[in-house]
Amino acid sequence: MELTTTLIILGVCAAGFAFSAWRTSRPSDPIKGPRLIPWTSLAILFGMGALLMLVHVANIAGIETGQGRF
């Protein structure tokens, strides 16, 4: 995958994480009814995606991650 595509996905995941974390931190409103979107789970998934894309950017930059061969 190219660097441009990786950075776009990283930006989307970071923005999704920030929005989901903000929605998770808001207090619930029983008058409006239950929350139908699992914001905590979405924040975890977006955060994991952003972390994976950061590792991928590091690999593109030449930093070897994972088990190296000696």
PDB file of N, CA and C in Angstrom:
ATOM      1  N   MET A   1       0.849  -1.163   0.000  1.00  0.00           N
ATOM      2  CA  MET A   1       0.000   0.000   0.000  1.00  0.00           C
ATOM      3  C   MET A   1       0.905   1.240   0.000  1.00  0.00           C
ATOM      4  N   GLU A   2       0.507   2.259  -0.715  1.00  0.00           N
ATOM      5  CA  GLU A   2       1.299   3.470  -0.821  1.00  0.00           C
ATOM      6  C   GLU A   2       1.218   4.308   0.446  1.00  0.00           C
ATOM      7  N   LEU A   3       2.166   5.231   0.578  1.00  0.00           N
ATOM      8  CA  LEU A   3       2.206   6.110   1.741  1.00  0.00           C
ATOM      9  C   LEU A   3       0.980   7.025   1.784  1.00  0.00           C
ATOM     10  N   THR A   4       0.546   7.523   0.637  1.00  0.00           N
ATOM     11  CA  THR A   4      -0.615   8.422   0.595  1.00  0.00           C
ATOM     12  C   THR A   4      -1.871   7.725   1.102  1.00  0.00           C
ATOM     13  N   THR A   5      -2.091   6.517   0.626  1.00  0.00           N
ATOM     14  CA  THR A   5      -3.264   5.749   1.056  1.00  0.00           C
ATOM     15  C   THR A   5      -3.201   5.449   2.544  1.00  0.00           C
ATOM     16  N   THR A   6      -2.025   5.091   3.023  1.00  0.00           N
ATOM     17  CA  THR A   6      -1.848   4.791   4.441  1.00  0.00           C
ATOM     18  C   THR A   6      -2.128   6.018   5.304  1.00  0.00           C
ATOM     19  N   LEU A   7      -1.645   7.174   4.873  1.00  0.00           N
ATOM     20  CA  LEU A   7      -1.880   8.400   5.647  1.00  0.00           C
ATOM     21  C   LEU A   7      -3.349   8.814   5.638  1.00  0.00           C
ATOM     22  N   ILE A   8      -4.040   8.578   4.522  1.00  0.00           N
ATOM     23  CA  ILE A   8      -5.476   8.879   4.472  1.00  0.00           C
ATOM     24  C   ILE A   8      -6.239   7.987   5.440  1.00  0.00           C
ATOM     25  N   ILE A   9      -5.922   6.696   5.437  1.00  0.00           N
ATOM     26  CA  ILE A   9      -6.586   5.761   6.356  1.00  0.00           C
ATOM     27  C   ILE A   9      -6.252   6.112   7.798  1.00  0.00           C
ATOM     28  N   LEU A  10      -5.000   6.500   8.054  1.00  0.00           N
ATOM     29  CA  LEU A  10      -4.591   6.919   9.399  1.00  0.00           C
ATOM     30  C   LEU A  10      -5.394   8.134   9.849  1.00  0.00           C
ATOM     31  N   GLY A  11      -5.579   9.100   8.975  1.00  0.00           N
ATOM     32  CA  GLY A  11      -6.367  10.288   9.318  1.00  0.00           C
ATOM     33  C   GLY A  11      -7.825   9.970   9.605  1.00  0.00           C
ATOM     34  N   VAL A  12      -8.399   9.089   8.785  1.00  0.00           N
ATOM     35  CA  VAL A  12      -9.798   8.692   9.005  1.00  0.00           C
ATOM     36  C   VAL A  12      -9.947   7.963  10.337  1.00  0.00           C
ATOM     37  N   CYS A  13      -9.017   7.064  10.618  1.00  0.00           N
ATOM     38  CA  CYS A  13      -9.082   6.318  11.882  1.00  0.00           C
ATOM     39  C   CYS A  13      -8.880   7.237  13.084  1.00  0.00           C
ATOM     40  N   ALA A  14      -7.956   8.188  12.977  1.00  0.00           N
ATOM     41  CA  ALA A  14      -7.723   9.118  14.080  1.00  0.00           C
ATOM     42  C   ALA A  14      -8.940  10.012  14.314  1.00  0.00           C
ATOM     43  N   ALA A  15      -9.543  10.502  13.231  1.00  0.00           N
ATOM     44  CA  ALA A  15     -10.746  11.331  13.378  1.00  0.00           C
ATOM     45  C   ALA A  15     -11.915  10.510  13.925  1.00  0.00           C
ATOM     46  N   GLY A  16     -12.052   9.271  13.450  1.00  0.00           N
ATOM     47  CA  GLY A  16     -13.102   8.394  13.966  1.00  0.00           C
ATOM     48  C   GLY A  16     -12.909   8.081  15.436  1.00  0.00           C
ATOM     49  N   PHE A  17     -11.651   7.879  15.833  1.00  0.00           N
ATOM     50  CA  PHE A  17     -11.366   7.631  17.251  1.00  0.00           C
ATOM     51  C   PHE A  17     -11.713   8.849  18.098  1.00  0.00           C
ATOM     52  N   ALA A  18     -11.311  10.037  17.638  1.00  0.00           N
ATOM     53  CA  ALA A  18     -11.587  11.257  18.404  1.00  0.00           C
ATOM     54  C   ALA A  18     -13.095  11.486  18.547  1.00  0.00           C
ATOM     55  N   PHE A  19     -13.839  11.299  17.461  1.00  0.00           N
ATOM     56  CA  PHE A  19     -15.285  11.505  17.523  1.00  0.00           C
ATOM     57  C   PHE A  19     -15.959  10.461  18.413  1.00  0.00           C
ATOM     58  N   SER A  20     -15.544   9.197  18.274  1.00  0.00           N
ATOM     59  CA  SER A  20     -16.139   8.131  19.089  1.00  0.00           C
ATOM     60  C   SER A  20     -15.820   8.313  20.569  1.00  0.00           C
ATOM     61  N   ALA A  21     -14.596   8.723  20.876  1.00  0.00           N
ATOM     62  CA  ALA A  21     -14.236   8.955  22.275  1.00  0.00           C
ATOM     63  C   ALA A  21     -15.027  10.122  22.851  1.00  0.00           C
ATOM     64  N   TRP A  22     -15.261  11.151  22.035  1.00  0.00           N
ATOM     65  CA  TRP A  22     -16.055  12.285  22.496  1.00  0.00           C
ATOM     66  C   TRP A  22     -17.504  11.851  22.764  1.00  0.00           C
ATOM     67  N   ARG A  23     -18.055  11.046  21.863  1.00  0.00           N
ATOM     68  CA  ARG A  23     -19.440  10.580  22.053  1.00  0.00           C
ATOM     69  C   ARG A  23     -19.555   9.635  23.248  1.00  0.00           C
ATOM     70  N   THR A  24     -18.524   8.860  23.506  1.00  0.00           N
ATOM     71  CA  THR A  24     -18.541   7.954  24.654  1.00  0.00           C
ATOM     72  C   THR A  24     -18.542   8.731  25.960  1.00  0.00           C
ATOM     73  N   SER A  25     -17.835   9.847  26.003  1.00  0.00           N
ATOM     74  CA  SER A  25     -17.690  10.588  27.255  1.00  0.00           C
ATOM     75  C   SER A  25     -18.918  11.425  27.607  1.00  0.00           C
ATOM     76  N   ARG A  26     -19.831  11.590  26.673  1.00  0.00           N
ATOM     77  CA  ARG A  26     -21.026  12.377  26.963  1.00  0.00           C
ATOM     78  C   ARG A  26     -21.965  11.598  27.890  1.00  0.00           C
ATOM     79  N   PRO A  27     -22.625  12.263  28.827  1.00  0.00           N
ATOM     80  CA  PRO A  27     -23.551  11.549  29.709  1.00  0.00           C
ATOM     81  C   PRO A  27     -24.793  11.092  28.938  1.00  0.00           C
ATOM     82  N   SER A  28     -25.347   9.987  29.390  1.00  0.00           N
ATOM     83  CA  SER A  28     -26.536   9.467  28.715  1.00  0.00           C
ATOM     84  C   SER A  28     -27.760  10.315  29.073  1.00  0.00           C
ATOM     85  N   ASP A  29     -28.718  10.349  28.157  1.00  0.00           N
ATOM     86  CA  ASP A  29     -29.951  11.102  28.355  1.00  0.00           C
ATOM     87  C   ASP A  29     -31.115  10.113  28.273  1.00  0.00           C
ATOM     88  N   PRO A  30     -31.689   9.723  29.431  1.00  0.00           N
ATOM     89  CA  PRO A  30     -32.766   8.718  29.410  1.00  0.00           C
ATOM     90  C   PRO A  30     -34.031   9.192  28.695  1.00  0.00           C
ATOM     91  N   ILE A  31     -34.210  10.488  28.559  1.00  0.00           N
ATOM     92  CA  ILE A  31     -35.398  11.002  27.880  1.00  0.00           C
ATOM     93  C   ILE A  31     -35.326  10.684  26.385  1.00  0.00           C
ATOM     94  N   LYS A  32     -34.128  10.765  25.801  1.00  0.00           N
ATOM     95  CA  LYS A  32     -33.967  10.470  24.378  1.00  0.00           C
ATOM     96  C   LYS A  32     -34.017   8.971  24.082  1.00  0.00           C
ATOM     97  N   GLY A  33     -33.837   8.156  25.092  1.00  0.00           N
ATOM     98  CA  GLY A  33     -33.849   6.709  24.887  1.00  0.00           C
ATOM     99  C   GLY A  33     -32.439   6.141  24.949  1.00  0.00           C
ATOM    100  N   PRO A  34     -32.307   4.841  24.704  1.00  0.00           N
ATOM    101  CA  PRO A  34     -30.991   4.209  24.811  1.00  0.00           C
ATOM    102  C   PRO A  34     -30.081   4.587  23.642  1.00  0.00           C
ATOM    103  N   ARG A  35     -28.800   4.465  23.878  1.00  0.00           N
ATOM    104  CA  ARG A  35     -27.826   4.677  22.801  1.00  0.00           C
ATOM    105  C   ARG A  35     -27.827   3.440  21.912  1.00  0.00           C
ATOM    106  N   LEU A  36     -27.993   3.650  20.635  1.00  0.00           N
ATOM    107  CA  LEU A  36     -28.081   2.521  19.716  1.00  0.00           C
ATOM    108  C   LEU A  36     -26.762   2.237  19.005  1.00  0.00           C
ATOM    109  N   ILE A  37     -25.787   3.101  19.176  1.00  0.00           N
ATOM    110  CA  ILE A  37     -24.483   2.900  18.550  1.00  0.00           C
ATOM    111  C   ILE A  37     -23.465   2.638  19.657  1.00  0.00           C
ATOM    112  N   PRO A  38     -22.709   1.547  19.575  1.00  0.00           N
ATOM    113  CA  PRO A  38     -21.720   1.241  20.622  1.00  0.00           C
ATOM    114  C   PRO A  38     -20.456   2.082  20.447  1.00  0.00           C
ATOM    115  N   TRP A  39     -20.459   3.307  20.970  1.00  0.00           N
ATOM    116  CA  TRP A  39     -19.364   4.245  20.741  1.00  0.00           C
ATOM    117  C   TRP A  39     -18.050   3.764  21.343  1.00  0.00           C
ATOM    118  N   THR A  40     -18.093   3.076  22.480  1.00  0.00           N
ATOM    119  CA  THR A  40     -16.856   2.582  23.092  1.00  0.00           C
ATOM    120  C   THR A  40     -16.181   1.556  22.197  1.00  0.00           C
ATOM    121  N   SER A  41     -16.963   0.633  21.655  1.00  0.00           N
ATOM    122  CA  SER A  41     -16.400  -0.381  20.759  1.00  0.00           C
ATOM    123  C   SER A  41     -15.843   0.256  19.491  1.00  0.00           C
ATOM    124  N   LEU A  42     -16.537   1.243  18.966  1.00  0.00           N
ATOM    125  CA  LEU A  42     -16.042   1.931  17.776  1.00  0.00           C
ATOM    126  C   LEU A  42     -14.747   2.689  18.064  1.00  0.00           C
ATOM    127  N   ALA A  43     -14.652   3.295  19.252  1.00  0.00           N
ATOM    128  CA  ALA A  43     -13.425   4.003  19.611  1.00  0.00           C
ATOM    129  C   ALA A  43     -12.253   3.033  19.694  1.00  0.00           C
ATOM    130  N   ILE A  44     -12.474   1.860  20.240  1.00  0.00           N
ATOM    131  CA  ILE A  44     -11.412   0.852  20.331  1.00  0.00           C
ATOM    132  C   ILE A  44     -11.001   0.386  18.939  1.00  0.00           C
ATOM    133  N   LEU A  45     -11.959   0.136  18.068  1.00  0.00           N
ATOM    134  CA  LEU A  45     -11.638  -0.322  16.716  1.00  0.00           C
ATOM    135  C   LEU A  45     -10.898   0.755  15.911  1.00  0.00           C
ATOM    136  N   PHE A  46     -11.348   2.003  15.999  1.00  0.00           N
ATOM    137  CA  PHE A  46     -10.660   3.082  15.297  1.00  0.00           C
ATOM    138  C   PHE A  46      -9.251   3.289  15.856  1.00  0.00           C
ATOM    139  N   GLY A  47      -9.097   3.181  17.162  1.00  0.00           N
ATOM    140  CA  GLY A  47      -7.777   3.320  17.768  1.00  0.00           C
ATOM    141  C   GLY A  47      -6.831   2.217  17.328  1.00  0.00           C
ATOM    142  N   MET A  48      -7.348   0.997  17.233  1.00  0.00           N
ATOM    143  CA  MET A  48      -6.535  -0.123  16.772  1.00  0.00           C
ATOM    144  C   MET A  48      -6.138   0.069  15.308  1.00  0.00           C
ATOM    145  N   GLY A  49      -7.063   0.547  14.495  1.00  0.00           N
ATOM    146  CA  GLY A  49      -6.755   0.815  13.091  1.00  0.00           C
ATOM    147  C   GLY A  49      -5.697   1.892  12.945  1.00  0.00           C
ATOM    148  N   ALA A  50      -5.784   2.943  13.769  1.00  0.00           N
ATOM    149  CA  ALA A  50      -4.786   4.013  13.718  1.00  0.00           C
ATOM    150  C   ALA A  50      -3.418   3.497  14.142  1.00  0.00           C
ATOM    151  N   LEU A  51      -3.380   2.647  15.151  1.00  0.00           N
ATOM    152  CA  LEU A  51      -2.111   2.073  15.589  1.00  0.00           C
ATOM    153  C   LEU A  51      -1.488   1.206  14.506  1.00  0.00           C
ATOM    154  N   LEU A  52      -2.297   0.404  13.847  1.00  0.00           N
ATOM    155  CA  LEU A  52      -1.785  -0.431  12.753  1.00  0.00           C
ATOM    156  C   LEU A  52      -1.253   0.416  11.605  1.00  0.00           C
ATOM    157  N   MET A  53      -1.930   1.509  11.298  1.00  0.00           N
ATOM    158  CA  MET A  53      -1.449   2.375  10.228  1.00  0.00           C
ATOM    159  C   MET A  53      -0.160   3.097  10.621  1.00  0.00           C
ATOM    160  N   LEU A  54      -0.009   3.441  11.911  1.00  0.00           N
ATOM    161  CA  LEU A  54       1.249   4.037  12.362  1.00  0.00           C
ATOM    162  C   LEU A  54       2.412   3.061  12.204  1.00  0.00           C
ATOM    163  N   VAL A  55       2.181   1.801  12.519  1.00  0.00           N
ATOM    164  CA  VAL A  55       3.214   0.776  12.339  1.00  0.00           C
ATOM    165  C   VAL A  55       3.531   0.615  10.862  1.00  0.00           C
ATOM    166  N   HIS A  56       2.515   0.683  10.026  1.00  0.00           N
ATOM    167  CA  HIS A  56       2.730   0.559   8.588  1.00  0.00           C
ATOM    168  C   HIS A  56       3.543   1.744   8.048  1.00  0.00           C
ATOM    169  N   VAL A  57       3.274   2.947   8.539  1.00  0.00           N
ATOM    170  CA  VAL A  57       4.056   4.110   8.136  1.00  0.00           C
ATOM    171  C   VAL A  57       5.513   3.936   8.574  1.00  0.00           C
ATOM    172  N   ALA A  58       5.716   3.397   9.774  1.00  0.00           N
ATOM    173  CA  ALA A  58       7.085   3.147  10.239  1.00  0.00           C
ATOM    174  C   ALA A  58       7.783   2.125   9.345  1.00  0.00           C
ATOM    175  N   ASN A  59       7.063   1.105   8.915  1.00  0.00           N
ATOM    176  CA  ASN A  59       7.648   0.110   8.014  1.00  0.00           C
ATOM    177  C   ASN A  59       7.981   0.716   6.654  1.00  0.00           C
ATOM    178  N   ILE A  60       7.128   1.587   6.160  1.00  0.00           N
ATOM    179  CA  ILE A  60       7.406   2.254   4.884  1.00  0.00           C
ATOM    180  C   ILE A  60       8.647   3.139   5.017  1.00  0.00           C
ATOM    181  N   ALA A  61       8.822   3.762   6.198  1.00  0.00           N
ATOM    182  CA  ALA A  61       9.965   4.634   6.431  1.00  0.00           C
ATOM    183  C   ALA A  61      11.270   3.865   6.614  1.00  0.00           C
ATOM    184  N   GLY A  62      11.193   2.548   6.711  1.00  0.00           N
ATOM    185  CA  GLY A  62      12.404   1.744   6.826  1.00  0.00           C
ATOM    186  C   GLY A  62      12.682   1.196   8.200  1.00  0.00           C
ATOM    187  N   ILE A  63      11.840   1.493   9.155  1.00  0.00           N
ATOM    188  CA  ILE A  63      12.016   0.962  10.506  1.00  0.00           C
ATOM    189  C   ILE A  63      11.448  -0.448  10.525  1.00  0.00           C
ATOM    190  N   GLU A  64      12.259  -1.412  10.911  1.00  0.00           N
ATOM    191  CA  GLU A  64      11.808  -2.803  10.911  1.00  0.00           C
ATOM    192  C   GLU A  64      11.071  -3.104  12.208  1.00  0.00           C
ATOM    193  N   THR A  65       9.843  -3.561  12.107  1.00  0.00           N
ATOM    194  CA  THR A  65       9.053  -3.944  13.271  1.00  0.00           C
ATOM    195  C   THR A  65       8.811  -5.438  13.226  1.00  0.00           C
ATOM    196  N   GLY A  66       8.448  -6.006  14.334  1.00  0.00           N
ATOM    197  CA  GLY A  66       8.198  -7.437  14.378  1.00  0.00           C
ATOM    198  C   GLY A  66       9.486  -8.219  14.586  1.00  0.00           C
ATOM    199  N   GLN A  67       9.416  -9.505  14.322  1.00  0.00           N
ATOM    200  CA  GLN A  67      10.575 -10.362  14.519  1.00  0.00           C
ATOM    201  C   GLN A  67      11.529 -10.209  13.346  1.00  0.00           C
ATOM    202  N   GLY A  68      12.739  -9.824  13.654  1.00  0.00           N
ATOM    203  CA  GLY A  68      13.752  -9.681  12.619  1.00  0.00           C
ATOM    204  C   GLY A  68      14.476 -10.984  12.401  1.00  0.00           C
ATOM    205  N   ARG A  69      15.021 -11.154  11.240  1.00  0.00           N
ATOM    206  CA  ARG A  69      15.805 -12.343  10.943  1.00  0.00           C
ATOM    207  C   ARG A  69      17.269 -11.995  11.159  1.00  0.00           C
ATOM    208  N   PHE A  70      17.944 -12.811  11.929  1.00  0.00           N
ATOM    209  CA  PHE A  70      19.347 -12.561  12.239  1.00  0.00           C
ATOM    210  C   PHE A  70      20.253 -13.300  11.314  1.00  0.00           C
TER     211      PHE A  70
END
